[in-house]
Structure formats: structure tokens, C-alpha cells
Amino acid sequence: MKGLVILGVLLVVLGLLAFVVPLPHHEDHGVKIGDAKITIQTDTSEKLPPAVGIALVAGGVVALVVGMAKK
């Protein structure tokens, strides 16, 4: 069950990072008319919804408890 403990720690760390680290997103928008091409690139950074972080942390805690209880 050591694998379950490692999975629990990994899920808790990923859940905590979901609250702090924004995910970058790049989009290219362009129009081509004849030989002319106009392009606009947008860069945004958005954090994951809090529910995702909560679910990851909760799953990690459950995995840690189950992994520790099986020893």
C-alpha cells in the first residue's frame, strides 16, 4: 500500500498547486485577404476552478488515510 501513500501525497501537492499556479493559454487569431495576412496572438493565464483544487486535496487525504491504515 506504499503506492497509495505516494499517490495521496502527489494528489495533495497537485491540489495545493492548483490554487496558486496559473495555467498559460495561447490563441492565434488571423485573417488572410489576398496576399495580406493580419494575425493577433492573445496570451492569458487562468487558475483552475477552486473545486478542482478541493477535489484533488480531498482525494489525496483519503488516499493517505487509506494507505496509512493498511500498514
PDB file of N, CA and C in Angstrom:
ATOM      1  N   MET A   1       0.806  -1.202   0.000  1.00  0.00           N
ATOM      2  CA  MET A   1       0.000   0.000   0.000  1.00  0.00           C
ATOM      3  C   MET A   1       0.849   1.265   0.000  1.00  0.00           C
ATOM      4  N   LYS A   2       2.153   1.100  -0.128  1.00  0.00           N
ATOM      5  CA  LYS A   2       3.018   2.265  -0.163  1.00  0.00           C
ATOM      6  C   LYS A   2       2.713   3.133  -1.390  1.00  0.00           C
ATOM      7  N   GLY A   3       2.271   2.487  -2.473  1.00  0.00           N
ATOM      8  CA  GLY A   3       1.903   3.233  -3.670  1.00  0.00           C
ATOM      9  C   GLY A   3       0.727   4.155  -3.433  1.00  0.00           C
ATOM     10  N   LEU A   4      -0.202   3.737  -2.587  1.00  0.00           N
ATOM     11  CA  LEU A   4      -1.368   4.557  -2.275  1.00  0.00           C
ATOM     12  C   LEU A   4      -0.967   5.794  -1.467  1.00  0.00           C
ATOM     13  N   VAL A   5       0.005   5.648  -0.605  1.00  0.00           N
ATOM     14  CA  VAL A   5       0.502   6.792   0.172  1.00  0.00           C
ATOM     15  C   VAL A   5       1.195   7.789  -0.753  1.00  0.00           C
ATOM     16  N   ILE A   6       2.004   7.275  -1.684  1.00  0.00           N
ATOM     17  CA  ILE A   6       2.691   8.155  -2.643  1.00  0.00           C
ATOM     18  C   ILE A   6       1.665   8.878  -3.517  1.00  0.00           C
ATOM     19  N   LEU A   7       0.630   8.158  -3.953  1.00  0.00           N
ATOM     20  CA  LEU A   7      -0.433   8.778  -4.751  1.00  0.00           C
ATOM     21  C   LEU A   7      -1.141   9.862  -3.938  1.00  0.00           C
ATOM     22  N   GLY A   8      -1.384   9.609  -2.663  1.00  0.00           N
ATOM     23  CA  GLY A   8      -2.036  10.595  -1.806  1.00  0.00           C
ATOM     24  C   GLY A   8      -1.218  11.864  -1.662  1.00  0.00           C
ATOM     25  N   VAL A   9       0.076  11.715  -1.457  1.00  0.00           N
ATOM     26  CA  VAL A   9       0.964  12.884  -1.339  1.00  0.00           C
ATOM     27  C   VAL A   9       0.978  13.656  -2.652  1.00  0.00           C
ATOM     28  N   LEU A  10       1.050  12.936  -3.767  1.00  0.00           N
ATOM     29  CA  LEU A  10       1.061  13.585  -5.082  1.00  0.00           C
ATOM     30  C   LEU A  10      -0.235  14.362  -5.319  1.00  0.00           C
ATOM     31  N   LEU A  11      -1.366  13.780  -4.965  1.00  0.00           N
ATOM     32  CA  LEU A  11      -2.641  14.471  -5.152  1.00  0.00           C
ATOM     33  C   LEU A  11      -2.759  15.716  -4.266  1.00  0.00           C
ATOM     34  N   VAL A  12      -2.274  15.632  -3.041  1.00  0.00           N
ATOM     35  CA  VAL A  12      -2.317  16.799  -2.153  1.00  0.00           C
ATOM     36  C   VAL A  12      -1.443  17.919  -2.706  1.00  0.00           C
ATOM     37  N   VAL A  13      -0.254  17.588  -3.176  1.00  0.00           N
ATOM     38  CA  VAL A  13       0.646  18.610  -3.735  1.00  0.00           C
ATOM     39  C   VAL A  13       0.027  19.238  -4.983  1.00  0.00           C
ATOM     40  N   LEU A  14      -0.523  18.410  -5.880  1.00  0.00           N
ATOM     41  CA  LEU A  14      -1.158  18.955  -7.081  1.00  0.00           C
ATOM     42  C   LEU A  14      -2.371  19.816  -6.730  1.00  0.00           C
ATOM     43  N   GLY A  15      -3.121  19.416  -5.728  1.00  0.00           N
ATOM     44  CA  GLY A  15      -4.268  20.208  -5.299  1.00  0.00           C
ATOM     45  C   GLY A  15      -3.872  21.566  -4.751  1.00  0.00           C
ATOM     46  N   LEU A  16      -2.800  21.603  -3.976  1.00  0.00           N
ATOM     47  CA  LEU A  16      -2.328  22.882  -3.449  1.00  0.00           C
ATOM     48  C   LEU A  16      -1.764  23.765  -4.553  1.00  0.00           C
ATOM     49  N   LEU A  17      -1.078  23.160  -5.521  1.00  0.00           N
ATOM     50  CA  LEU A  17      -0.559  23.935  -6.647  1.00  0.00           C
ATOM     51  C   LEU A  17      -1.683  24.482  -7.523  1.00  0.00           C
ATOM     52  N   ALA A  18      -2.807  23.791  -7.582  1.00  0.00           N
ATOM     53  CA  ALA A  18      -3.940  24.253  -8.384  1.00  0.00           C
ATOM     54  C   ALA A  18      -4.485  25.585  -7.870  1.00  0.00           C
ATOM     55  N   PHE A  19      -4.306  25.854  -6.577  1.00  0.00           N
ATOM     56  CA  PHE A  19      -4.763  27.127  -6.015  1.00  0.00           C
ATOM     57  C   PHE A  19      -3.814  28.275  -6.334  1.00  0.00           C
ATOM     58  N   VAL A  20      -2.548  27.969  -6.631  1.00  0.00           N
ATOM     59  CA  VAL A  20      -1.527  29.007  -6.724  1.00  0.00           C
ATOM     60  C   VAL A  20      -1.042  29.254  -8.148  1.00  0.00           C
ATOM     61  N   VAL A  21      -0.784  28.206  -8.904  1.00  0.00           N
ATOM     62  CA  VAL A  21      -0.119  28.325 -10.197  1.00  0.00           C
ATOM     63  C   VAL A  21      -1.146  28.499 -11.318  1.00  0.00           C
ATOM     64  N   PRO A  22      -1.044  29.597 -12.083  1.00  0.00           N
ATOM     65  CA  PRO A  22      -1.957  29.781 -13.221  1.00  0.00           C
ATOM     66  C   PRO A  22      -1.487  28.968 -14.431  1.00  0.00           C
ATOM     67  N   LEU A  23      -2.434  28.550 -15.255  1.00  0.00           N
ATOM     68  CA  LEU A  23      -2.120  27.800 -16.463  1.00  0.00           C
ATOM     69  C   LEU A  23      -2.129  28.756 -17.655  1.00  0.00           C
ATOM     70  N   PRO A  24      -1.028  28.809 -18.426  1.00  0.00           N
ATOM     71  CA  PRO A  24      -0.996  29.711 -19.587  1.00  0.00           C
ATOM     72  C   PRO A  24      -1.830  29.162 -20.740  1.00  0.00           C
ATOM     73  N   HIS A  25      -2.409  30.078 -21.514  1.00  0.00           N
ATOM     74  CA  HIS A  25      -3.231  29.710 -22.660  1.00  0.00           C
ATOM     75  C   HIS A  25      -2.928  30.687 -23.791  1.00  0.00           C
ATOM     76  N   HIS A  26      -2.595  30.157 -24.963  1.00  0.00           N
ATOM     77  CA  HIS A  26      -2.251  30.994 -26.113  1.00  0.00           C
ATOM     78  C   HIS A  26      -3.241  30.744 -27.238  1.00  0.00           C
ATOM     79  N   GLU A  27      -3.692  31.822 -27.883  1.00  0.00           N
ATOM     80  CA  GLU A  27      -4.585  31.715 -29.028  1.00  0.00           C
ATOM     81  C   GLU A  27      -4.081  32.612 -30.136  1.00  0.00           C
ATOM     82  N   ASP A  28      -4.163  32.120 -31.365  1.00  0.00           N
ATOM     83  CA  ASP A  28      -3.816  32.905 -32.537  1.00  0.00           C
ATOM     84  C   ASP A  28      -5.075  33.138 -33.356  1.00  0.00           C
ATOM     85  N   HIS A  29      -5.340  34.400 -33.658  1.00  0.00           N
ATOM     86  CA  HIS A  29      -6.481  34.770 -34.488  1.00  0.00           C
ATOM     87  C   HIS A  29      -5.924  35.450 -35.727  1.00  0.00           C
ATOM     88  N   GLY A  30      -6.368  35.022 -36.886  1.00  0.00           N
ATOM     89  CA  GLY A  30      -5.830  35.623 -38.099  1.00  0.00           C
ATOM     90  C   GLY A  30      -6.854  35.721 -39.207  1.00  0.00           C
ATOM     91  N   VAL A  31      -6.619  36.692 -40.088  1.00  0.00           N
ATOM     92  CA  VAL A  31      -7.449  36.897 -41.265  1.00  0.00           C
ATOM     93  C   VAL A  31      -6.506  37.038 -42.450  1.00  0.00           C
ATOM     94  N   LYS A  32      -6.821  36.333 -43.515  1.00  0.00           N
ATOM     95  CA  LYS A  32      -5.995  36.429 -44.722  1.00  0.00           C
ATOM     96  C   LYS A  32      -6.878  36.919 -45.864  1.00  0.00           C
ATOM     97  N   ILE A  33      -6.507  38.062 -46.406  1.00  0.00           N
ATOM     98  CA  ILE A  33      -7.223  38.650 -47.532  1.00  0.00           C
ATOM     99  C   ILE A  33      -6.227  38.815 -48.665  1.00  0.00           C
ATOM    100  N   GLY A  34      -6.359  37.973 -49.662  1.00  0.00           N
ATOM    101  CA  GLY A  34      -5.408  38.017 -50.777  1.00  0.00           C
ATOM    102  C   GLY A  34      -4.028  37.640 -50.282  1.00  0.00           C
ATOM    103  N   ASP A  35      -3.058  38.525 -50.534  1.00  0.00           N
ATOM    104  CA  ASP A  35      -1.693  38.283 -50.075  1.00  0.00           C
ATOM    105  C   ASP A  35      -1.431  38.831 -48.673  1.00  0.00           C
ATOM    106  N   ALA A  36      -2.352  39.627 -48.156  1.00  0.00           N
ATOM    107  CA  ALA A  36      -2.162  40.233 -46.837  1.00  0.00           C
ATOM    108  C   ALA A  36      -2.708  39.307 -45.740  1.00  0.00           C
ATOM    109  N   LYS A  37      -1.964  39.259 -44.670  1.00  0.00           N
ATOM    110  CA  LYS A  37      -2.389  38.437 -43.534  1.00  0.00           C
ATOM    111  C   LYS A  37      -2.239  39.255 -42.259  1.00  0.00           C
ATOM    112  N   ILE A  38      -3.310  39.309 -41.496  1.00  0.00           N
ATOM    113  CA  ILE A  38      -3.299  40.028 -40.217  1.00  0.00           C
ATOM    114  C   ILE A  38      -3.491  38.987 -39.118  1.00  0.00           C
ATOM    115  N   THR A  39      -2.577  38.981 -38.138  1.00  0.00           N
ATOM    116  CA  THR A  39      -2.621  37.992 -37.071  1.00  0.00           C
ATOM    117  C   THR A  39      -2.560  38.689 -35.719  1.00  0.00           C
ATOM    118  N   ILE A  40      -3.365  38.188 -34.800  1.00  0.00           N
ATOM    119  CA  ILE A  40      -3.338  38.676 -33.420  1.00  0.00           C
ATOM    120  C   ILE A  40      -3.146  37.467 -32.518  1.00  0.00           C
ATOM    121  N   GLN A  41      -2.174  37.569 -31.617  1.00  0.00           N
ATOM    122  CA  GLN A  41      -1.927  36.488 -30.663  1.00  0.00           C
ATOM    123  C   GLN A  41      -2.305  36.978 -29.269  1.00  0.00           C
ATOM    124  N   THR A  42      -3.129  36.189 -28.584  1.00  0.00           N
ATOM    125  CA  THR A  42      -3.534  36.543 -27.227  1.00  0.00           C
ATOM    126  C   THR A  42      -2.950  35.535 -26.249  1.00  0.00           C
ATOM    127  N   ASP A  43      -2.416  36.035 -25.165  1.00  0.00           N
ATOM    128  CA  ASP A  43      -1.851  35.205 -24.100  1.00  0.00           C
ATOM    129  C   ASP A  43      -2.610  35.498 -22.811  1.00  0.00           C
ATOM    130  N   THR A  44      -3.147  34.459 -22.198  1.00  0.00           N
ATOM    131  CA  THR A  44      -3.851  34.619 -20.929  1.00  0.00           C
ATOM    132  C   THR A  44      -3.367  33.553 -19.949  1.00  0.00           C
ATOM    133  N   SER A  45      -3.486  33.859 -18.697  1.00  0.00           N
ATOM    134  CA  SER A  45      -3.164  32.897 -17.642  1.00  0.00           C
ATOM    135  C   SER A  45      -4.363  32.837 -16.703  1.00  0.00           C
ATOM    136  N   GLU A  46      -4.896  31.637 -16.540  1.00  0.00           N
ATOM    137  CA  GLU A  46      -6.051  31.463 -15.674  1.00  0.00           C
ATOM    138  C   GLU A  46      -5.772  30.352 -14.674  1.00  0.00           C
ATOM    139  N   LYS A  47      -6.258  30.526 -13.467  1.00  0.00           N
ATOM    140  CA  LYS A  47      -6.144  29.483 -12.453  1.00  0.00           C
ATOM    141  C   LYS A  47      -7.291  28.489 -12.635  1.00  0.00           C
ATOM    142  N   LEU A  48      -7.080  27.280 -12.168  1.00  0.00           N
ATOM    143  CA  LEU A  48      -8.133  26.279 -12.209  1.00  0.00           C
ATOM    144  C   LEU A  48      -9.238  26.663 -11.232  1.00  0.00           C
ATOM    145  N   PRO A  49     -10.453  26.211 -11.470  1.00  0.00           N
ATOM    146  CA  PRO A  49     -11.533  26.495 -10.517  1.00  0.00           C
ATOM    147  C   PRO A  49     -11.197  25.913  -9.136  1.00  0.00           C
ATOM    148  N   PRO A  50     -11.610  26.583  -8.074  1.00  0.00           N
ATOM    149  CA  PRO A  50     -11.299  26.093  -6.727  1.00  0.00           C
ATOM    150  C   PRO A  50     -11.822  24.678  -6.458  1.00  0.00           C
ATOM    151  N   ALA A  51     -12.907  24.296  -7.106  1.00  0.00           N
ATOM    152  CA  ALA A  51     -13.462  22.953  -6.889  1.00  0.00           C
ATOM    153  C   ALA A  51     -12.471  21.869  -7.311  1.00  0.00           C
ATOM    154  N   VAL A  52     -11.665  22.144  -8.329  1.00  0.00           N
ATOM    155  CA  VAL A  52     -10.660  21.172  -8.784  1.00  0.00           C
ATOM    156  C   VAL A  52      -9.594  20.989  -7.710  1.00  0.00           C
ATOM    157  N   GLY A  53      -9.111  22.082  -7.147  1.00  0.00           N
ATOM    158  CA  GLY A  53      -8.113  22.004  -6.080  1.00  0.00           C
ATOM    159  C   GLY A  53      -8.645  21.296  -4.848  1.00  0.00           C
ATOM    160  N   ILE A  54      -9.890  21.604  -4.494  1.00  0.00           N
ATOM    161  CA  ILE A  54     -10.502  20.966  -3.321  1.00  0.00           C
ATOM    162  C   ILE A  54     -10.647  19.464  -3.547  1.00  0.00           C
ATOM    163  N   ALA A  55     -11.079  19.079  -4.756  1.00  0.00           N
ATOM    164  CA  ALA A  55     -11.249  17.657  -5.062  1.00  0.00           C
ATOM    165  C   ALA A  55      -9.913  16.918  -5.035  1.00  0.00           C
ATOM    166  N   LEU A  56      -8.864  17.541  -5.556  1.00  0.00           N
ATOM    167  CA  LEU A  56      -7.544  16.906  -5.534  1.00  0.00           C
ATOM    168  C   LEU A  56      -7.021  16.737  -4.110  1.00  0.00           C
ATOM    169  N   VAL A  57      -7.160  17.775  -3.302  1.00  0.00           N
ATOM    170  CA  VAL A  57      -6.685  17.698  -1.918  1.00  0.00           C
ATOM    171  C   VAL A  57      -7.496  16.657  -1.144  1.00  0.00           C
ATOM    172  N   ALA A  58      -8.807  16.655  -1.323  1.00  0.00           N
ATOM    173  CA  ALA A  58      -9.657  15.685  -0.614  1.00  0.00           C
ATOM    174  C   ALA A  58      -9.322  14.256  -1.034  1.00  0.00           C
ATOM    175  N   GLY A  59      -9.132  14.039  -2.320  1.00  0.00           N
ATOM    176  CA  GLY A  59      -8.753  12.709  -2.795  1.00  0.00           C
ATOM    177  C   GLY A  59      -7.404  12.282  -2.251  1.00  0.00           C
ATOM    178  N   GLY A  60      -6.485  13.224  -2.163  1.00  0.00           N
ATOM    179  CA  GLY A  60      -5.174  12.923  -1.602  1.00  0.00           C
ATOM    180  C   GLY A  60      -5.229  12.563  -0.136  1.00  0.00           C
ATOM    181  N   VAL A  61      -6.053  13.277   0.614  1.00  0.00           N
ATOM    182  CA  VAL A  61      -6.196  12.980   2.043  1.00  0.00           C
ATOM    183  C   VAL A  61      -6.823  11.603   2.234  1.00  0.00           C
ATOM    184  N   VAL A  62      -7.832  11.287   1.434  1.00  0.00           N
ATOM    185  CA  VAL A  62      -8.462   9.972   1.532  1.00  0.00           C
ATOM    186  C   VAL A  62      -7.456   8.874   1.196  1.00  0.00           C
ATOM    187  N   ALA A  63      -6.672   9.066   0.140  1.00  0.00           N
ATOM    188  CA  ALA A  63      -5.667   8.074  -0.233  1.00  0.00           C
ATOM    189  C   ALA A  63      -4.610   7.920   0.852  1.00  0.00           C
ATOM    190  N   LEU A  64      -4.217   9.018   1.479  1.00  0.00           N
ATOM    191  CA  LEU A  64      -3.241   8.938   2.564  1.00  0.00           C
ATOM    192  C   LEU A  64      -3.803   8.169   3.767  1.00  0.00           C
ATOM    193  N   VAL A  65      -5.038   8.455   4.128  1.00  0.00           N
ATOM    194  CA  VAL A  65      -5.655   7.780   5.282  1.00  0.00           C
ATOM    195  C   VAL A  65      -5.801   6.299   5.012  1.00  0.00           C
ATOM    196  N   VAL A  66      -6.274   5.935   3.832  1.00  0.00           N
ATOM    197  CA  VAL A  66      -6.447   4.525   3.500  1.00  0.00           C
ATOM    198  C   VAL A  66      -5.095   3.823   3.396  1.00  0.00           C
ATOM    199  N   GLY A  67      -4.120   4.509   2.807  1.00  0.00           N
ATOM    200  CA  GLY A  67      -2.788   3.922   2.687  1.00  0.00           C
ATOM    201  C   GLY A  67      -2.097   3.711   4.022  1.00  0.00           C
ATOM    202  N   MET A  68      -2.286   4.645   4.946  1.00  0.00           N
ATOM    203  CA  MET A  68      -1.674   4.520   6.267  1.00  0.00           C
ATOM    204  C   MET A  68      -2.395   3.469   7.123  1.00  0.00           C
ATOM    205  N   ALA A  69      -3.704   3.316   6.937  1.00  0.00           N
ATOM    206  CA  ALA A  69      -4.477   2.367   7.733  1.00  0.00           C
ATOM    207  C   ALA A  69      -4.175   0.912   7.318  1.00  0.00           C
ATOM    208  N   LYS A  70      -3.748   0.698   6.099  1.00  0.00           N
ATOM    209  CA  LYS A  70      -3.489  -0.650   5.608  1.00  0.00           C
ATOM    210  C   LYS A  70      -2.135  -1.202   6.062  1.00  0.00           C
ATOM    211  N   LYS A  71      -1.317  -0.410   6.728  1.00  0.00           N
ATOM    212  CA  LYS A  71       0.012  -0.869   7.150  1.00  0.00           C
ATOM    213  C   LYS A  71      -0.054  -1.900   8.217  1.00  0.00           C
TER     214      LYS A  71
END
